[in-house]
Amino acid sequence: MTMTPRFFPVPALETPPPVEDPFAGIRFMLIMGAVFAIFYFLFLRPQQKQEKERRAMIEALKKRDRVLTSGGLLGTVADLRDDEITLKVSENPDVKVRVRRSAVVEVLREPAEPAAK
């Protein structure tokens, strides 16, 4: 089997020299700034706001508040100290649990009392 050579005339391909964009660095910085702003307003700011509200809730704890801990324990605040609280978790006055303030997840609001008939 014989192969015949194929000759195709190929015009000389000249590529023009690359043109440098004088605003490429500024454009990149603007895009990165926009990405950071979106990240801040969608993730960081709401998280900071939520943490601030949680700290205010923990600081505002007082006796006889009903609370829910991160471990799922429901109780009534019996005593407050610097960094811990004592919860009454049963109708028996001897059953009390000490937990850290940071373990409180939610202060439960008492349901409205039914109207007297």
Protein backbone atom coordinates (compact mmCIF):
# COMPACT_ATOMS: atom_id res chain seq x y z
CA MET A 1 0.00 0.00 0.00
CA THR A 2 1.49 3.24 -1.07
CA MET A 3 0.93 6.50 0.66
CA THR A 4 0.88 9.61 -1.34
CA PRO A 5 2.08 12.69 0.43
CA ARG A 6 -0.49 15.37 0.92
CA PHE A 7 0.69 18.87 0.72
CA PHE A 8 -1.68 21.59 1.72
CA PRO A 9 -0.55 25.13 1.47
CA VAL A 10 -0.97 26.65 4.94
CA PRO A 11 -0.90 30.42 5.12
CA ALA A 12 1.44 31.77 7.70
CA LEU A 13 -0.58 32.32 10.87
CA GLU A 14 0.51 35.41 12.59
CA THR A 15 -0.89 36.05 16.03
CA PRO A 16 -1.07 39.65 17.05
CA PRO A 17 0.78 40.55 20.22
CA PRO A 18 -1.47 40.37 23.30
CA VAL A 19 -3.03 43.67 24.24
CA GLU A 20 -2.72 44.40 27.93
CA ASP A 21 -5.80 45.77 29.63
CA PRO A 22 -4.75 48.72 31.81
CA PHE A 23 -7.80 48.23 34.06
CA ALA A 24 -7.44 44.48 34.64
CA GLY A 25 -6.14 44.90 38.19
CA ILE A 26 -8.83 47.39 39.15
CA ARG A 27 -11.54 45.18 37.63
CA PHE A 28 -10.26 42.18 39.59
CA MET A 29 -10.24 44.16 42.85
CA LEU A 30 -13.82 45.35 42.24
CA ILE A 31 -15.03 41.80 41.62
CA MET A 32 -13.27 40.51 44.73
CA GLY A 33 -14.72 43.38 46.78
CA ALA A 34 -18.22 42.56 45.51
CA VAL A 35 -17.77 38.88 46.40
CA PHE A 36 -16.59 39.81 49.89
CA ALA A 37 -19.54 42.21 50.37
CA ILE A 38 -22.02 39.52 49.32
CA PHE A 39 -20.36 37.00 51.65
CA TYR A 40 -20.45 39.50 54.53
CA PHE A 41 -24.10 40.46 54.13
CA LEU A 42 -25.35 36.92 53.52
CA PHE A 43 -23.32 35.01 56.12
CA LEU A 44 -21.25 37.01 58.59
CA ARG A 45 -23.64 39.82 59.52
CA PRO A 46 -26.69 37.60 60.26
CA GLN A 47 -24.52 35.28 62.36
CA GLN A 48 -23.13 38.21 64.37
CA LYS A 49 -26.66 39.54 64.91
CA GLN A 50 -27.88 36.14 66.09
CA GLU A 51 -24.94 35.79 68.50
CA LYS A 52 -25.59 39.27 69.90
CA GLU A 53 -29.25 38.39 70.54
CA ARG A 54 -28.23 35.12 72.21
CA ARG A 55 -25.77 36.92 74.53
CA ALA A 56 -28.48 39.42 75.46
CA MET A 57 -30.90 36.55 76.21
CA ILE A 58 -28.35 34.83 78.47
CA GLU A 59 -27.53 38.08 80.30
CA ALA A 60 -31.24 38.76 80.85
CA LEU A 61 -31.91 35.44 82.62
CA LYS A 62 -33.64 35.77 85.98
CA LYS A 63 -35.07 33.46 88.59
CA ARG A 64 -38.22 31.56 87.66
CA ASP A 65 -37.50 31.71 83.91
CA ARG A 66 -38.27 28.47 82.10
CA VAL A 67 -35.33 27.49 79.90
CA LEU A 68 -34.25 24.83 77.43
CA THR A 69 -30.61 23.72 77.49
CA SER A 70 -28.53 22.46 74.58
CA GLY A 71 -28.83 18.96 76.05
CA GLY A 72 -32.62 19.11 75.82
CA LEU A 73 -33.15 19.64 79.53
CA LEU A 74 -36.19 21.73 80.50
CA GLY A 75 -36.11 23.52 83.80
CA THR A 76 -36.84 26.60 85.84
CA VAL A 77 -34.01 28.88 86.92
CA ALA A 78 -33.61 28.55 90.69
CA ASP A 79 -30.30 30.33 91.21
CA LEU A 80 -27.92 32.47 89.13
CA ARG A 81 -24.17 32.76 89.49
CA ASP A 82 -21.43 34.27 87.37
CA ASP A 83 -21.12 31.60 84.73
CA GLU A 84 -23.60 28.96 85.86
CA ILE A 85 -27.24 28.61 86.73
CA THR A 86 -29.10 26.11 88.87
CA LEU A 87 -32.20 24.61 87.28
CA LYS A 88 -35.09 23.06 89.07
CA VAL A 89 -36.05 20.17 86.79
CA SER A 90 -38.70 18.42 88.86
CA GLU A 91 -41.54 19.21 91.22
CA ASN A 92 -39.37 17.74 93.96
CA PRO A 93 -37.43 20.70 95.45
CA ASP A 94 -34.34 18.52 96.00
CA VAL A 95 -33.85 17.82 92.29
CA LYS A 96 -31.67 20.59 90.89
CA VAL A 97 -29.08 20.66 88.13
CA ARG A 98 -26.20 23.08 87.67
CA VAL A 99 -25.41 24.06 84.09
CA ARG A 100 -23.32 26.73 82.42
CA ARG A 101 -25.11 29.81 81.15
CA SER A 102 -23.83 29.06 77.66
CA ALA A 103 -25.85 25.81 77.67
CA VAL A 104 -29.11 27.76 77.62
CA VAL A 105 -30.54 27.69 74.11
CA GLU A 106 -33.94 29.26 74.63
CA VAL A 107 -36.01 31.00 77.26
CA LEU A 108 -39.48 29.48 77.07
CA ARG A 109 -42.45 31.76 77.40
CA GLU A 110 -45.25 30.47 79.55
CA PRO A 111 -48.49 29.83 77.66
CA ALA A 112 -51.23 32.32 78.31
CA GLU A 113 -53.38 31.34 81.26
CA PRO A 114 -56.87 30.19 80.28
CA ALA A 115 -59.59 32.71 80.99
CA ALA A 116 -61.62 32.00 84.11
CA LYS A 117 -65.23 31.02 83.46
